[in-house]
Amino acid sequence: MEDDFDLYDRVGEWTELKLEIVKKYAESFQGALKNLNFKTIYIDGFCNSGEAISKKTSEKIDGSALRL
């Protein structure tokens, strides 16, 4: 049987940095809109499975689909 980690993309530091930036931006954006009466939806066309393996630590990390 295939190791679960083989199912995930391995991502570098640039991707981990992008994920942190997107998360912080989305939190700030939602905070700015909290008093407005509409629903926001975030679509990341490049999020893959929502999880990945860090090349730096070899640990599973959440992608944007699971962070937002």
PDB file of N, CA and C in Angstrom:
ATOM      1  N   MET A   1       0.840  -1.191   0.000  1.00  0.00           N
ATOM      2  CA  MET A   1       0.000   0.000   0.000  1.00  0.00           C
ATOM      3  C   MET A   1       0.883   1.252   0.000  1.00  0.00           C
ATOM      4  N   GLU A   2       0.468   2.228  -0.734  1.00  0.00           N
ATOM      5  CA  GLU A   2       1.219   3.475  -0.878  1.00  0.00           C
ATOM      6  C   GLU A   2       1.249   4.255   0.436  1.00  0.00           C
ATOM      7  N   ASP A   3       2.402   4.799   0.778  1.00  0.00           N
ATOM      8  CA  ASP A   3       2.531   5.657   1.958  1.00  0.00           C
ATOM      9  C   ASP A   3       1.667   6.899   1.763  1.00  0.00           C
ATOM     10  N   ASP A   4       0.926   7.289   2.794  1.00  0.00           N
ATOM     11  CA  ASP A   4       0.052   8.465   2.697  1.00  0.00           C
ATOM     12  C   ASP A   4       0.807   9.707   2.226  1.00  0.00           C
ATOM     13  N   PHE A   5       2.054   9.868   2.648  1.00  0.00           N
ATOM     14  CA  PHE A   5       2.814  11.056   2.284  1.00  0.00           C
ATOM     15  C   PHE A   5       3.074  11.119   0.778  1.00  0.00           C
ATOM     16  N   ASP A   6       3.034   9.986   0.097  1.00  0.00           N
ATOM     17  CA  ASP A   6       3.237   9.976  -1.353  1.00  0.00           C
ATOM     18  C   ASP A   6       2.079  10.626  -2.100  1.00  0.00           C
ATOM     19  N   LEU A   7       0.959  10.804  -1.427  1.00  0.00           N
ATOM     20  CA  LEU A   7      -0.224  11.393  -2.058  1.00  0.00           C
ATOM     21  C   LEU A   7      -0.199  12.917  -2.063  1.00  0.00           C
ATOM     22  N   TYR A   8       0.704  13.521  -1.313  1.00  0.00           N
ATOM     23  CA  TYR A   8       0.734  14.972  -1.146  1.00  0.00           C
ATOM     24  C   TYR A   8       1.906  15.591  -1.896  1.00  0.00           C
ATOM     25  N   ASP A   9       1.692  16.812  -2.379  1.00  0.00           N
ATOM     26  CA  ASP A   9       2.786  17.573  -2.978  1.00  0.00           C
ATOM     27  C   ASP A   9       3.770  17.975  -1.895  1.00  0.00           C
ATOM     28  N   ARG A  10       5.027  18.029  -2.264  1.00  0.00           N
ATOM     29  CA  ARG A  10       6.051  18.549  -1.359  1.00  0.00           C
ATOM     30  C   ARG A  10       6.283  20.008  -1.739  1.00  0.00           C
ATOM     31  N   VAL A  11       6.196  20.880  -0.741  1.00  0.00           N
ATOM     32  CA  VAL A  11       6.261  22.314  -1.018  1.00  0.00           C
ATOM     33  C   VAL A  11       7.438  22.949  -0.296  1.00  0.00           C
ATOM     34  N   GLY A  12       7.970  23.988  -0.914  1.00  0.00           N
ATOM     35  CA  GLY A  12       9.106  24.695  -0.355  1.00  0.00           C
ATOM     36  C   GLY A  12       8.692  25.857   0.533  1.00  0.00           C
ATOM     37  N   GLU A  13       9.695  26.554   1.015  1.00  0.00           N
ATOM     38  CA  GLU A  13       9.466  27.675   1.931  1.00  0.00           C
ATOM     39  C   GLU A  13       8.617  28.769   1.296  1.00  0.00           C
ATOM     40  N   TRP A  14       8.766  28.979  -0.016  1.00  0.00           N
ATOM     41  CA  TRP A  14       7.990  30.019  -0.700  1.00  0.00           C
ATOM     42  C   TRP A  14       6.488  29.721  -0.611  1.00  0.00           C
ATOM     43  N   THR A  15       6.117  28.461  -0.699  1.00  0.00           N
ATOM     44  CA  THR A  15       4.700  28.096  -0.597  1.00  0.00           C
ATOM     45  C   THR A  15       4.204  28.287   0.825  1.00  0.00           C
ATOM     46  N   GLU A  16       5.013  27.901   1.792  1.00  0.00           N
ATOM     47  CA  GLU A  16       4.619  28.090   3.190  1.00  0.00           C
ATOM     48  C   GLU A  16       4.455  29.578   3.501  1.00  0.00           C
ATOM     49  N   LEU A  17       5.336  30.411   2.951  1.00  0.00           N
ATOM     50  CA  LEU A  17       5.227  31.859   3.134  1.00  0.00           C
ATOM     51  C   LEU A  17       3.953  32.386   2.474  1.00  0.00           C
ATOM     52  N   LYS A  18       3.669  31.923   1.256  1.00  0.00           N
ATOM     53  CA  LYS A  18       2.445  32.328   0.556  1.00  0.00           C
ATOM     54  C   LYS A  18       1.213  31.974   1.373  1.00  0.00           C
ATOM     55  N   LEU A  19       1.197  30.793   1.963  1.00  0.00           N
ATOM     56  CA  LEU A  19       0.049  30.361   2.764  1.00  0.00           C
ATOM     57  C   LEU A  19      -0.160  31.261   3.974  1.00  0.00           C
ATOM     58  N   GLU A  20       0.918  31.671   4.618  1.00  0.00           N
ATOM     59  CA  GLU A  20       0.810  32.587   5.764  1.00  0.00           C
ATOM     60  C   GLU A  20       0.295  33.953   5.318  1.00  0.00           C
ATOM     61  N   ILE A  21       0.801  34.443   4.194  1.00  0.00           N
ATOM     62  CA  ILE A  21       0.366  35.748   3.676  1.00  0.00           C
ATOM     63  C   ILE A  21      -1.112  35.711   3.310  1.00  0.00           C
ATOM     64  N   VAL A  22      -1.541  34.666   2.615  1.00  0.00           N
ATOM     65  CA  VAL A  22      -2.952  34.546   2.223  1.00  0.00           C
ATOM     66  C   VAL A  22      -3.841  34.479   3.460  1.00  0.00           C
ATOM     67  N   LYS A  23      -3.431  33.717   4.460  1.00  0.00           N
ATOM     68  CA  LYS A  23      -4.224  33.605   5.694  1.00  0.00           C
ATOM     69  C   LYS A  23      -4.351  34.960   6.386  1.00  0.00           C
ATOM     70  N   LYS A  24      -3.240  35.670   6.546  1.00  0.00           N
ATOM     71  CA  LYS A  24      -3.271  36.981   7.215  1.00  0.00           C
ATOM     72  C   LYS A  24      -4.091  37.991   6.412  1.00  0.00           C
ATOM     73  N   TYR A  25      -3.958  37.966   5.100  1.00  0.00           N
ATOM     74  CA  TYR A  25      -4.734  38.873   4.253  1.00  0.00           C
ATOM     75  C   TYR A  25      -6.228  38.586   4.394  1.00  0.00           C
ATOM     76  N   ALA A  26      -6.601  37.316   4.332  1.00  0.00           N
ATOM     77  CA  ALA A  26      -8.018  36.945   4.430  1.00  0.00           C
ATOM     78  C   ALA A  26      -8.595  37.346   5.780  1.00  0.00           C
ATOM     79  N   GLU A  27      -7.833  37.160   6.851  1.00  0.00           N
ATOM     80  CA  GLU A  27      -8.301  37.563   8.181  1.00  0.00           C
ATOM     81  C   GLU A  27      -8.503  39.073   8.251  1.00  0.00           C
ATOM     82  N   SER A  28      -7.565  39.835   7.710  1.00  0.00           N
ATOM     83  CA  SER A  28      -7.686  41.296   7.706  1.00  0.00           C
ATOM     84  C   SER A  28      -8.857  41.747   6.845  1.00  0.00           C
ATOM     85  N   PHE A  29      -8.997  41.139   5.685  1.00  0.00           N
ATOM     86  CA  PHE A  29     -10.082  41.477   4.767  1.00  0.00           C
ATOM     87  C   PHE A  29     -11.435  41.196   5.415  1.00  0.00           C
ATOM     88  N   GLN A  30     -11.567  40.040   6.043  1.00  0.00           N
ATOM     89  CA  GLN A  30     -12.817  39.693   6.722  1.00  0.00           C
ATOM     90  C   GLN A  30     -13.096  40.656   7.871  1.00  0.00           C
ATOM     91  N   GLY A  31     -12.063  41.055   8.593  1.00  0.00           N
ATOM     92  CA  GLY A  31     -12.232  42.012   9.681  1.00  0.00           C
ATOM     93  C   GLY A  31     -12.743  43.349   9.183  1.00  0.00           C
ATOM     94  N   ALA A  32     -12.228  43.782   8.044  1.00  0.00           N
ATOM     95  CA  ALA A  32     -12.651  45.062   7.472  1.00  0.00           C
ATOM     96  C   ALA A  32     -14.097  45.015   6.984  1.00  0.00           C
ATOM     97  N   LEU A  33     -14.572  43.842   6.633  1.00  0.00           N
ATOM     98  CA  LEU A  33     -15.923  43.704   6.080  1.00  0.00           C
ATOM     99  C   LEU A  33     -16.948  43.186   7.085  1.00  0.00           C
ATOM    100  N   LYS A  34     -16.547  43.005   8.331  1.00  0.00           N
ATOM    101  CA  LYS A  34     -17.419  42.326   9.292  1.00  0.00           C
ATOM    102  C   LYS A  34     -18.761  43.021   9.519  1.00  0.00           C
ATOM    103  N   ASN A  35     -18.836  44.329   9.312  1.00  0.00           N
ATOM    104  CA  ASN A  35     -20.089  45.049   9.543  1.00  0.00           C
ATOM    105  C   ASN A  35     -20.959  45.170   8.293  1.00  0.00           C
ATOM    106  N   LEU A  36     -20.498  44.640   7.190  1.00  0.00           N
ATOM    107  CA  LEU A  36     -21.272  44.683   5.952  1.00  0.00           C
ATOM    108  C   LEU A  36     -22.118  43.416   5.833  1.00  0.00           C
ATOM    109  N   ASN A  37     -23.255  43.554   5.202  1.00  0.00           N
ATOM    110  CA  ASN A  37     -24.208  42.450   5.143  1.00  0.00           C
ATOM    111  C   ASN A  37     -24.090  41.679   3.821  1.00  0.00           C
ATOM    112  N   PHE A  38     -22.997  40.963   3.640  1.00  0.00           N
ATOM    113  CA  PHE A  38     -22.886  40.066   2.499  1.00  0.00           C
ATOM    114  C   PHE A  38     -21.896  38.962   2.824  1.00  0.00           C
ATOM    115  N   LYS A  39     -21.970  37.912   2.056  1.00  0.00           N
ATOM    116  CA  LYS A  39     -21.132  36.740   2.272  1.00  0.00           C
ATOM    117  C   LYS A  39     -19.929  36.800   1.330  1.00  0.00           C
ATOM    118  N   THR A  40     -18.758  36.483   1.846  1.00  0.00           N
ATOM    119  CA  THR A  40     -17.570  36.420   0.994  1.00  0.00           C
ATOM    120  C   THR A  40     -17.182  34.960   0.784  1.00  0.00           C
ATOM    121  N   ILE A  41     -16.655  34.683  -0.387  1.00  0.00           N
ATOM    122  CA  ILE A  41     -16.209  33.338  -0.733  1.00  0.00           C
ATOM    123  C   ILE A  41     -14.804  33.460  -1.304  1.00  0.00           C
ATOM    124  N   TYR A  42     -13.896  32.624  -0.820  1.00  0.00           N
ATOM    125  CA  TYR A  42     -12.524  32.614  -1.314  1.00  0.00           C
ATOM    126  C   TYR A  42     -12.319  31.349  -2.140  1.00  0.00           C
ATOM    127  N   ILE A  43     -11.810  31.512  -3.337  1.00  0.00           N
ATOM    128  CA  ILE A  43     -11.527  30.372  -4.207  1.00  0.00           C
ATOM    129  C   ILE A  43     -10.039  30.390  -4.538  1.00  0.00           C
ATOM    130  N   ASP A  44      -9.363  29.293  -4.237  1.00  0.00           N
ATOM    131  CA  ASP A  44      -7.948  29.149  -4.574  1.00  0.00           C
ATOM    132  C   ASP A  44      -7.848  28.050  -5.621  1.00  0.00           C
ATOM    133  N   GLY A  45      -7.642  28.452  -6.841  1.00  0.00           N
ATOM    134  CA  GLY A  45      -7.573  27.497  -7.939  1.00  0.00           C
ATOM    135  C   GLY A  45      -6.322  26.636  -7.944  1.00  0.00           C
ATOM    136  N   PHE A  46      -5.406  26.896  -7.011  1.00  0.00           N
ATOM    137  CA  PHE A  46      -4.144  26.159  -6.974  1.00  0.00           C
ATOM    138  C   PHE A  46      -3.928  25.451  -5.642  1.00  0.00           C
ATOM    139  N   CYS A  47      -5.002  25.173  -4.905  1.00  0.00           N
ATOM    140  CA  CYS A  47      -4.833  24.636  -3.549  1.00  0.00           C
ATOM    141  C   CYS A  47      -4.606  23.127  -3.509  1.00  0.00           C
ATOM    142  N   ASN A  48      -4.769  22.433  -4.614  1.00  0.00           N
ATOM    143  CA  ASN A  48      -4.591  20.976  -4.665  1.00  0.00           C
ATOM    144  C   ASN A  48      -5.472  20.279  -3.643  1.00  0.00           C
ATOM    145  N   SER A  49      -4.916  19.346  -2.884  1.00  0.00           N
ATOM    146  CA  SER A  49      -5.729  18.550  -1.960  1.00  0.00           C
ATOM    147  C   SER A  49      -6.047  19.279  -0.662  1.00  0.00           C
ATOM    148  N   GLY A  50      -5.417  20.409  -0.438  1.00  0.00           N
ATOM    149  CA  GLY A  50      -5.628  21.128   0.818  1.00  0.00           C
ATOM    150  C   GLY A  50      -4.569  20.817   1.851  1.00  0.00           C
ATOM    151  N   GLU A  51      -3.757  19.820   1.590  1.00  0.00           N
ATOM    152  CA  GLU A  51      -2.645  19.489   2.478  1.00  0.00           C
ATOM    153  C   GLU A  51      -1.400  19.249   1.627  1.00  0.00           C
ATOM    154  N   ALA A  52      -0.248  19.436   2.240  1.00  0.00           N
ATOM    155  CA  ALA A  52       1.014  19.224   1.536  1.00  0.00           C
ATOM    156  C   ALA A  52       2.063  18.773   2.546  1.00  0.00           C
ATOM    157  N   ILE A  53       3.222  18.415   2.045  1.00  0.00           N
ATOM    158  CA  ILE A  53       4.352  18.043   2.891  1.00  0.00           C
ATOM    159  C   ILE A  53       5.416  19.128   2.751  1.00  0.00           C
ATOM    160  N   SER A  54       5.857  19.653   3.880  1.00  0.00           N
ATOM    161  CA  SER A  54       6.913  20.659   3.887  1.00  0.00           C
ATOM    162  C   SER A  54       8.245  20.009   3.526  1.00  0.00           C
ATOM    163  N   LYS A  55       8.937  20.564   2.536  1.00  0.00           N
ATOM    164  CA  LYS A  55      10.271  20.063   2.194  1.00  0.00           C
ATOM    165  C   LYS A  55      11.246  20.303   3.342  1.00  0.00           C
ATOM    166  N   LYS A  56      11.026  21.380   4.078  1.00  0.00           N
ATOM    167  CA  LYS A  56      11.940  21.766   5.153  1.00  0.00           C
ATOM    168  C   LYS A  56      11.836  20.832   6.360  1.00  0.00           C
ATOM    169  N   THR A  57      10.594  20.494   6.756  1.00  0.00           N
ATOM    170  CA  THR A  57      10.397  19.710   7.983  1.00  0.00           C
ATOM    171  C   THR A  57       9.898  18.291   7.733  1.00  0.00           C
ATOM    172  N   SER A  58       9.499  17.987   6.504  1.00  0.00           N
ATOM    173  CA  SER A  58       8.898  16.699   6.138  1.00  0.00           C
ATOM    174  C   SER A  58       7.599  16.411   6.884  1.00  0.00           C
ATOM    175  N   GLU A  59       6.957  17.457   7.400  1.00  0.00           N
ATOM    176  CA  GLU A  59       5.686  17.306   8.106  1.00  0.00           C
ATOM    177  C   GLU A  59       4.536  17.743   7.208  1.00  0.00           C
ATOM    178  N   LYS A  60       3.361  17.179   7.473  1.00  0.00           N
ATOM    179  CA  LYS A  60       2.166  17.554   6.734  1.00  0.00           C
ATOM    180  C   LYS A  60       1.718  18.938   7.203  1.00  0.00           C
ATOM    181  N   ILE A  61       1.389  19.816   6.250  1.00  0.00           N
ATOM    182  CA  ILE A  61       0.903  21.155   6.582  1.00  0.00           C
ATOM    183  C   ILE A  61      -0.434  21.390   5.887  1.00  0.00           C
ATOM    184  N   ASP A  62      -1.233  22.262   6.474  1.00  0.00           N
ATOM    185  CA  ASP A  62      -2.508  22.630   5.873  1.00  0.00           C
ATOM    186  C   ASP A  62      -2.288  23.628   4.749  1.00  0.00           C
ATOM    187  N   GLY A  63      -2.981  23.415   3.657  1.00  0.00           N
ATOM    188  CA  GLY A  63      -2.981  24.368   2.565  1.00  0.00           C
ATOM    189  C   GLY A  63      -4.046  25.426   2.796  1.00  0.00           C
ATOM    190  N   SER A  64      -4.224  26.306   1.828  1.00  0.00           N
ATOM    191  CA  SER A  64      -5.173  27.411   2.003  1.00  0.00           C
ATOM    192  C   SER A  64      -6.605  26.924   2.184  1.00  0.00           C
ATOM    193  N   ALA A  65      -6.957  25.809   1.570  1.00  0.00           N
ATOM    194  CA  ALA A  65      -8.326  25.296   1.704  1.00  0.00           C
ATOM    195  C   ALA A  65      -8.665  24.958   3.151  1.00  0.00           C
ATOM    196  N   LEU A  66      -7.687  24.577   3.939  1.00  0.00           N
ATOM    197  CA  LEU A  66      -7.923  24.222   5.340  1.00  0.00           C
ATOM    198  C   LEU A  66      -7.580  25.352   6.301  1.00  0.00           C
ATOM    199  N   ARG A  67      -6.848  26.343   5.844  1.00  0.00           N
ATOM    200  CA  ARG A  67      -6.466  27.459   6.721  1.00  0.00           C
ATOM    201  C   ARG A  67      -7.518  28.550   6.774  1.00  0.00           C
ATOM    202  N   LEU A  68      -8.342  28.653   5.735  1.00  0.00           N
ATOM    203  CA  LEU A  68      -9.296  29.755   5.669  1.00  0.00           C
ATOM    204  C   LEU A  68     -10.672  29.337   6.082  1.00  0.00           C
TER     205      LEU A  68
END
